């Protein structure tokens, strides 16, 4: 499978993961993982900001596909196939733009900044 084909597949799987959050057949652990994956995918802020050369884009190329793959493994196959079928064209107008998707990433960066400041001054 080429990189371009994987990117297309990933683009189709993220909305399916989003829909699987709402299914009662989805296990709790899969819902937690799916929630984290969706928040990370939709967040305008990355764990490694994109302005950092090379590393900024590597996190999108490595972390997001790994999160999606892990989430898909945790969701029962028949439930995920149903969600994949329902997700066709779900985000054709673009990803939802909601500011609260960035909150977990902002919180992570604030904790890291706090620990750095604490290490320097104390």
Foldseek 3Di string as FASTA:
>chain_A
DDPVVVVVVLVLLLQLLVVLLPDPQQDPVLNVLSLLLNLQVQAPAHLQDLVPPPVNCVCVVPVNVVSSVVSCVRGPPVSSVVSSVVSVVVAVVHDDHDNVSNVVSVVVVVVVVVVVVVVVPD
